[in-house]
Amino acid sequence: MGEIRGQQLFLKGFYKEQVLNRLIEAYAKTYVLCKICNKPDTDIQKEGKKNFLKCQACGAREEIKEK
């Protein structure tokens, strides 16, 4: 399907625009945007086996629940 080189994702094959947009939106909601203030000023913090999304803007901290 693809590979990550550095901080870039290279996809192999042809994908519909709607599919890619849906996947990018889902990724942003899970790993980037704060669920409280909806800002992208977040960091991922690992504690044991759990990952948390820590917002630098409002201070919120939420466990990342992978689907």
PDB file of N, CA and C in Angstrom:
ATOM      1  N   MET A   1       0.820  -1.188   0.000  1.00  0.00           N
ATOM      2  CA  MET A   1       0.000   0.000   0.000  1.00  0.00           C
ATOM      3  C   MET A   1       0.865   1.253   0.000  1.00  0.00           C
ATOM      4  N   GLY A   2       1.940   1.255   0.769  1.00  0.00           N
ATOM      5  CA  GLY A   2       2.789   2.434   0.808  1.00  0.00           C
ATOM      6  C   GLY A   2       3.891   2.279   1.826  1.00  0.00           C
ATOM      7  N   GLU A   3       4.695   3.336   1.959  1.00  0.00           N
ATOM      8  CA  GLU A   3       5.773   3.313   2.938  1.00  0.00           C
ATOM      9  C   GLU A   3       6.055   4.719   3.422  1.00  0.00           C
ATOM     10  N   ILE A   4       6.644   4.800   4.601  1.00  0.00           N
ATOM     11  CA  ILE A   4       7.006   6.085   5.181  1.00  0.00           C
ATOM     12  C   ILE A   4       8.510   6.252   5.032  1.00  0.00           C
ATOM     13  N   ARG A   5       8.909   7.382   4.460  1.00  0.00           N
ATOM     14  CA  ARG A   5      10.325   7.740   4.332  1.00  0.00           C
ATOM     15  C   ARG A   5      10.508   9.074   5.030  1.00  0.00           C
ATOM     16  N   GLY A   6      11.205   9.034   6.157  1.00  0.00           N
ATOM     17  CA  GLY A   6      11.339  10.260   6.951  1.00  0.00           C
ATOM     18  C   GLY A   6       9.987  10.652   7.493  1.00  0.00           C
ATOM     19  N   GLN A   7       9.531  11.833   7.123  1.00  0.00           N
ATOM     20  CA  GLN A   7       8.216  12.299   7.565  1.00  0.00           C
ATOM     21  C   GLN A   7       7.230  12.367   6.404  1.00  0.00           C
ATOM     22  N   GLN A   8       7.515  11.606   5.352  1.00  0.00           N
ATOM     23  CA  GLN A   8       6.633  11.598   4.186  1.00  0.00           C
ATOM     24  C   GLN A   8       6.048  10.212   3.974  1.00  0.00           C
ATOM     25  N   LEU A   9       4.811  10.183   3.508  1.00  0.00           N
ATOM     26  CA  LEU A   9       4.133   8.941   3.184  1.00  0.00           C
ATOM     27  C   LEU A   9       4.055   8.817   1.664  1.00  0.00           C
ATOM     28  N   PHE A  10       4.527   7.704   1.149  1.00  0.00           N
ATOM     29  CA  PHE A  10       4.464   7.428  -0.279  1.00  0.00           C
ATOM     30  C   PHE A  10       3.478   6.286  -0.496  1.00  0.00           C
ATOM     31  N   LEU A  11       2.385   6.571  -1.214  1.00  0.00           N
ATOM     32  CA  LEU A  11       1.373   5.567  -1.483  1.00  0.00           C
ATOM     33  C   LEU A  11       1.614   4.968  -2.858  1.00  0.00           C
ATOM     34  N   LYS A  12       1.386   3.674  -2.943  1.00  0.00           N
ATOM     35  CA  LYS A  12       1.532   2.976  -4.210  1.00  0.00           C
ATOM     36  C   LYS A  12       0.144   2.595  -4.708  1.00  0.00           C
ATOM     37  N   GLY A  13      -0.135   2.896  -5.953  1.00  0.00           N
ATOM     38  CA  GLY A  13      -1.433   2.549  -6.510  1.00  0.00           C
ATOM     39  C   GLY A  13      -2.273   3.781  -6.765  1.00  0.00           C
ATOM     40  N   PHE A  14      -3.517   3.546  -7.129  1.00  0.00           N
ATOM     41  CA  PHE A  14      -4.463   4.617  -7.430  1.00  0.00           C
ATOM     42  C   PHE A  14      -5.565   4.598  -6.379  1.00  0.00           C
ATOM     43  N   TYR A  15      -5.891   5.785  -5.857  1.00  0.00           N
ATOM     44  CA  TYR A  15      -6.902   5.907  -4.819  1.00  0.00           C
ATOM     45  C   TYR A  15      -7.860   7.026  -5.177  1.00  0.00           C
ATOM     46  N   LYS A  16      -9.112   6.834  -4.862  1.00  0.00           N
ATOM     47  CA  LYS A  16     -10.100   7.875  -5.106  1.00  0.00           C
ATOM     48  C   LYS A  16      -9.889   9.003  -4.101  1.00  0.00           C
ATOM     49  N   GLU A  17     -10.152  10.217  -4.551  1.00  0.00           N
ATOM     50  CA  GLU A  17      -9.967  11.397  -3.722  1.00  0.00           C
ATOM     51  C   GLU A  17     -10.790  11.316  -2.438  1.00  0.00           C
ATOM     52  N   GLN A  18     -12.028  10.835  -2.541  1.00  0.00           N
ATOM     53  CA  GLN A  18     -12.903  10.755  -1.371  1.00  0.00           C
ATOM     54  C   GLN A  18     -12.336   9.804  -0.319  1.00  0.00           C
ATOM     55  N   VAL A  19     -11.734   8.705  -0.768  1.00  0.00           N
ATOM     56  CA  VAL A  19     -11.168   7.723   0.159  1.00  0.00           C
ATOM     57  C   VAL A  19      -9.987   8.332   0.899  1.00  0.00           C
ATOM     58  N   LEU A  20      -9.090   8.987   0.172  1.00  0.00           N
ATOM     59  CA  LEU A  20      -7.935   9.615   0.814  1.00  0.00           C
ATOM     60  C   LEU A  20      -8.358  10.713   1.778  1.00  0.00           C
ATOM     61  N   ASN A  21      -9.311  11.532   1.379  1.00  0.00           N
ATOM     62  CA  ASN A  21      -9.787  12.599   2.268  1.00  0.00           C
ATOM     63  C   ASN A  21     -10.379  12.033   3.549  1.00  0.00           C
ATOM     64  N   ARG A  22     -11.154  10.967   3.442  1.00  0.00           N
ATOM     65  CA  ARG A  22     -11.761  10.343   4.621  1.00  0.00           C
ATOM     66  C   ARG A  22     -10.678   9.803   5.561  1.00  0.00           C
ATOM     67  N   LEU A  23      -9.656   9.167   5.009  1.00  0.00           N
ATOM     68  CA  LEU A  23      -8.575   8.620   5.827  1.00  0.00           C
ATOM     69  C   LEU A  23      -7.767   9.721   6.508  1.00  0.00           C
ATOM     70  N   ILE A  24      -7.500  10.800   5.792  1.00  0.00           N
ATOM     71  CA  ILE A  24      -6.748  11.918   6.374  1.00  0.00           C
ATOM     72  C   ILE A  24      -7.545  12.575   7.486  1.00  0.00           C
ATOM     73  N   GLU A  25      -8.842  12.763   7.288  1.00  0.00           N
ATOM     74  CA  GLU A  25      -9.694  13.350   8.322  1.00  0.00           C
ATOM     75  C   GLU A  25      -9.739  12.469   9.567  1.00  0.00           C
ATOM     76  N   ALA A  26      -9.855  11.175   9.384  1.00  0.00           N
ATOM     77  CA  ALA A  26      -9.883  10.244  10.519  1.00  0.00           C
ATOM     78  C   ALA A  26      -8.561  10.281  11.280  1.00  0.00           C
ATOM     79  N   TYR A  27      -7.452  10.335  10.549  1.00  0.00           N
ATOM     80  CA  TYR A  27      -6.138  10.409  11.191  1.00  0.00           C
ATOM     81  C   TYR A  27      -6.015  11.689  12.008  1.00  0.00           C
ATOM     82  N   ALA A  28      -6.410  12.821  11.414  1.00  0.00           N
ATOM     83  CA  ALA A  28      -6.314  14.104  12.111  1.00  0.00           C
ATOM     84  C   ALA A  28      -7.164  14.113  13.378  1.00  0.00           C
ATOM     85  N   LYS A  29      -8.373  13.573  13.320  1.00  0.00           N
ATOM     86  CA  LYS A  29      -9.245  13.537  14.499  1.00  0.00           C
ATOM     87  C   LYS A  29      -8.656  12.681  15.613  1.00  0.00           C
ATOM     88  N   THR A  30      -7.969  11.601  15.245  1.00  0.00           N
ATOM     89  CA  THR A  30      -7.427  10.685  16.242  1.00  0.00           C
ATOM     90  C   THR A  30      -6.083  11.143  16.794  1.00  0.00           C
ATOM     91  N   TYR A  31      -5.178  11.617  15.933  1.00  0.00           N
ATOM     92  CA  TYR A  31      -3.795  11.847  16.330  1.00  0.00           C
ATOM     93  C   TYR A  31      -3.334  13.296  16.322  1.00  0.00           C
ATOM     94  N   VAL A  32      -4.168  14.246  15.876  1.00  0.00           N
ATOM     95  CA  VAL A  32      -3.688  15.625  15.733  1.00  0.00           C
ATOM     96  C   VAL A  32      -4.560  16.624  16.474  1.00  0.00           C
ATOM     97  N   LEU A  33      -5.863  16.599  16.240  1.00  0.00           N
ATOM     98  CA  LEU A  33      -6.749  17.635  16.778  1.00  0.00           C
ATOM     99  C   LEU A  33      -7.177  17.345  18.219  1.00  0.00           C
ATOM    100  N   CYS A  34      -7.118  18.390  19.052  1.00  0.00           N
ATOM    101  CA  CYS A  34      -7.580  18.283  20.441  1.00  0.00           C
ATOM    102  C   CYS A  34      -9.093  18.100  20.436  1.00  0.00           C
ATOM    103  N   LYS A  35      -9.587  17.167  21.231  1.00  0.00           N
ATOM    104  CA  LYS A  35     -11.015  16.903  21.285  1.00  0.00           C
ATOM    105  C   LYS A  35     -11.780  17.979  22.068  1.00  0.00           C
ATOM    106  N   ILE A  36     -11.062  18.798  22.847  1.00  0.00           N
ATOM    107  CA  ILE A  36     -11.704  19.849  23.636  1.00  0.00           C
ATOM    108  C   ILE A  36     -11.760  21.173  22.866  1.00  0.00           C
ATOM    109  N   CYS A  37     -10.603  21.665  22.398  1.00  0.00           N
ATOM    110  CA  CYS A  37     -10.571  22.977  21.735  1.00  0.00           C
ATOM    111  C   CYS A  37     -10.426  22.883  20.219  1.00  0.00           C
ATOM    112  N   ASN A  38     -10.235  21.673  19.689  1.00  0.00           N
ATOM    113  CA  ASN A  38     -10.149  21.409  18.249  1.00  0.00           C
ATOM    114  C   ASN A  38      -8.937  22.053  17.576  1.00  0.00           C
ATOM    115  N   LYS A  39      -7.902  22.386  18.346  1.00  0.00           N
ATOM    116  CA  LYS A  39      -6.681  22.960  17.781  1.00  0.00           C
ATOM    117  C   LYS A  39      -5.667  21.849  17.519  1.00  0.00           C
ATOM    118  N   PRO A  40      -4.754  22.066  16.564  1.00  0.00           N
ATOM    119  CA  PRO A  40      -3.757  21.042  16.236  1.00  0.00           C
ATOM    120  C   PRO A  40      -2.471  21.147  17.057  1.00  0.00           C
ATOM    121  N   ASP A  41      -2.485  21.915  18.135  1.00  0.00           N
ATOM    122  CA  ASP A  41      -1.283  22.129  18.953  1.00  0.00           C
ATOM    123  C   ASP A  41      -1.113  20.998  19.956  1.00  0.00           C
ATOM    124  N   THR A  42      -0.897  19.795  19.472  1.00  0.00           N
ATOM    125  CA  THR A  42      -0.858  18.620  20.342  1.00  0.00           C
ATOM    126  C   THR A  42       0.453  17.855  20.211  1.00  0.00           C
ATOM    127  N   ASP A  43       0.737  17.082  21.232  1.00  0.00           N
ATOM    128  CA  ASP A  43       1.874  16.161  21.247  1.00  0.00           C
ATOM    129  C   ASP A  43       1.352  14.797  21.662  1.00  0.00           C
ATOM    130  N   ILE A  44       1.975  13.746  21.146  1.00  0.00           N
ATOM    131  CA  ILE A  44       1.633  12.390  21.571  1.00  0.00           C
ATOM    132  C   ILE A  44       2.625  11.986  22.650  1.00  0.00           C
ATOM    133  N   GLN A  45       2.098  11.581  23.806  1.00  0.00           N
ATOM    134  CA  GLN A  45       2.924  11.149  24.928  1.00  0.00           C
ATOM    135  C   GLN A  45       2.649   9.681  25.207  1.00  0.00           C
ATOM    136  N   LYS A  46       3.707   8.903  25.363  1.00  0.00           N
ATOM    137  CA  LYS A  46       3.558   7.481  25.634  1.00  0.00           C
ATOM    138  C   LYS A  46       3.825   7.229  27.114  1.00  0.00           C
ATOM    139  N   GLU A  47       2.902   6.520  27.750  1.00  0.00           N
ATOM    140  CA  GLU A  47       3.050   6.130  29.150  1.00  0.00           C
ATOM    141  C   GLU A  47       2.742   4.651  29.248  1.00  0.00           C
ATOM    142  N   GLY A  48       3.772   3.857  29.441  1.00  0.00           N
ATOM    143  CA  GLY A  48       3.589   2.413  29.450  1.00  0.00           C
ATOM    144  C   GLY A  48       3.147   1.952  28.080  1.00  0.00           C
ATOM    145  N   LYS A  49       2.013   1.269  28.032  1.00  0.00           N
ATOM    146  CA  LYS A  49       1.484   0.787  26.753  1.00  0.00           C
ATOM    147  C   LYS A  49       0.452   1.740  26.158  1.00  0.00           C
ATOM    148  N   LYS A  50       0.144   2.818  26.859  1.00  0.00           N
ATOM    149  CA  LYS A  50      -0.891   3.742  26.399  1.00  0.00           C
ATOM    150  C   LYS A  50      -0.280   4.997  25.785  1.00  0.00           C
ATOM    151  N   ASN A  51      -0.979   5.554  24.793  1.00  0.00           N
ATOM    152  CA  ASN A  51      -0.600   6.818  24.167  1.00  0.00           C
ATOM    153  C   ASN A  51      -1.646   7.864  24.510  1.00  0.00           C
ATOM    154  N   PHE A  52      -1.176   9.080  24.793  1.00  0.00           N
ATOM    155  CA  PHE A  52      -2.062  10.183  25.137  1.00  0.00           C
ATOM    156  C   PHE A  52      -1.812  11.350  24.204  1.00  0.00           C
ATOM    157  N   LEU A  53      -2.874  12.084  23.890  1.00  0.00           N
ATOM    158  CA  LEU A  53      -2.775  13.296  23.099  1.00  0.00           C
ATOM    159  C   LEU A  53      -2.840  14.463  24.083  1.00  0.00           C
ATOM    160  N   LYS A  54      -1.756  15.207  24.199  1.00  0.00           N
ATOM    161  CA  LYS A  54      -1.658  16.331  25.132  1.00  0.00           C
ATOM    162  C   LYS A  54      -1.728  17.627  24.343  1.00  0.00           C
ATOM    163  N   CYS A  55      -2.705  18.464  24.659  1.00  0.00           N
ATOM    164  CA  CYS A  55      -2.896  19.727  23.959  1.00  0.00           C
ATOM    165  C   CYS A  55      -2.060  20.821  24.619  1.00  0.00           C
ATOM    166  N   GLN A  56      -1.236  21.480  23.839  1.00  0.00           N
ATOM    167  CA  GLN A  56      -0.418  22.579  24.349  1.00  0.00           C
ATOM    168  C   GLN A  56      -1.230  23.868  24.463  1.00  0.00           C
ATOM    169  N   ALA A  57      -2.344  23.956  23.756  1.00  0.00           N
ATOM    170  CA  ALA A  57      -3.167  25.170  23.769  1.00  0.00           C
ATOM    171  C   ALA A  57      -4.053  25.257  25.015  1.00  0.00           C
ATOM    172  N   CYS A  58      -4.795  24.184  25.305  1.00  0.00           N
ATOM    173  CA  CYS A  58      -5.748  24.248  26.429  1.00  0.00           C
ATOM    174  C   CYS A  58      -5.366  23.352  27.606  1.00  0.00           C
ATOM    175  N   GLY A  59      -4.374  22.472  27.419  1.00  0.00           N
ATOM    176  CA  GLY A  59      -3.927  21.619  28.511  1.00  0.00           C
ATOM    177  C   GLY A  59      -4.658  20.296  28.630  1.00  0.00           C
ATOM    178  N   ALA A  60      -5.613  20.048  27.760  1.00  0.00           N
ATOM    179  CA  ALA A  60      -6.366  18.792  27.819  1.00  0.00           C
ATOM    180  C   ALA A  60      -5.442  17.611  27.531  1.00  0.00           C
ATOM    181  N   ARG A  61      -5.789  16.471  28.102  1.00  0.00           N
ATOM    182  CA  ARG A  61      -5.013  15.253  27.906  1.00  0.00           C
ATOM    183  C   ARG A  61      -5.993  14.106  27.775  1.00  0.00           C
ATOM    184  N   GLU A  62      -5.903  13.377  26.673  1.00  0.00           N
ATOM    185  CA  GLU A  62      -6.860  12.300  26.409  1.00  0.00           C
ATOM    186  C   GLU A  62      -6.136  11.092  25.863  1.00  0.00           C
ATOM    187  N   GLU A  63      -6.561   9.921  26.309  1.00  0.00           N
ATOM    188  CA  GLU A  63      -5.971   8.674  25.795  1.00  0.00           C
ATOM    189  C   GLU A  63      -6.364   8.478  24.342  1.00  0.00           C
ATOM    190  N   ILE A  64      -5.391   8.063  23.543  1.00  0.00           N
ATOM    191  CA  ILE A  64      -5.657   7.758  22.145  1.00  0.00           C
ATOM    192  C   ILE A  64      -6.150   6.319  22.095  1.00  0.00           C
ATOM    193  N   LYS A  65      -7.382   6.152  21.660  1.00  0.00           N
ATOM    194  CA  LYS A  65      -7.958   4.812  21.547  1.00  0.00           C
ATOM    195  C   LYS A  65      -7.960   4.418  20.085  1.00  0.00           C
ATOM    196  N   GLU A  66      -7.111   3.471  19.747  1.00  0.00           N
ATOM    197  CA  GLU A  66      -7.003   3.042  18.364  1.00  0.00           C
ATOM    198  C   GLU A  66      -8.120   2.080  18.039  1.00  0.00           C
ATOM    199  N   LYS A  67      -8.629   2.191  16.825  1.00  0.00           N
ATOM    200  CA  LYS A  67      -9.769   1.373  16.400  1.00  0.00           C
ATOM    201  C   LYS A  67      -9.323   0.120  15.734  1.00  0.00           C
TER     202      LYS A  67
END
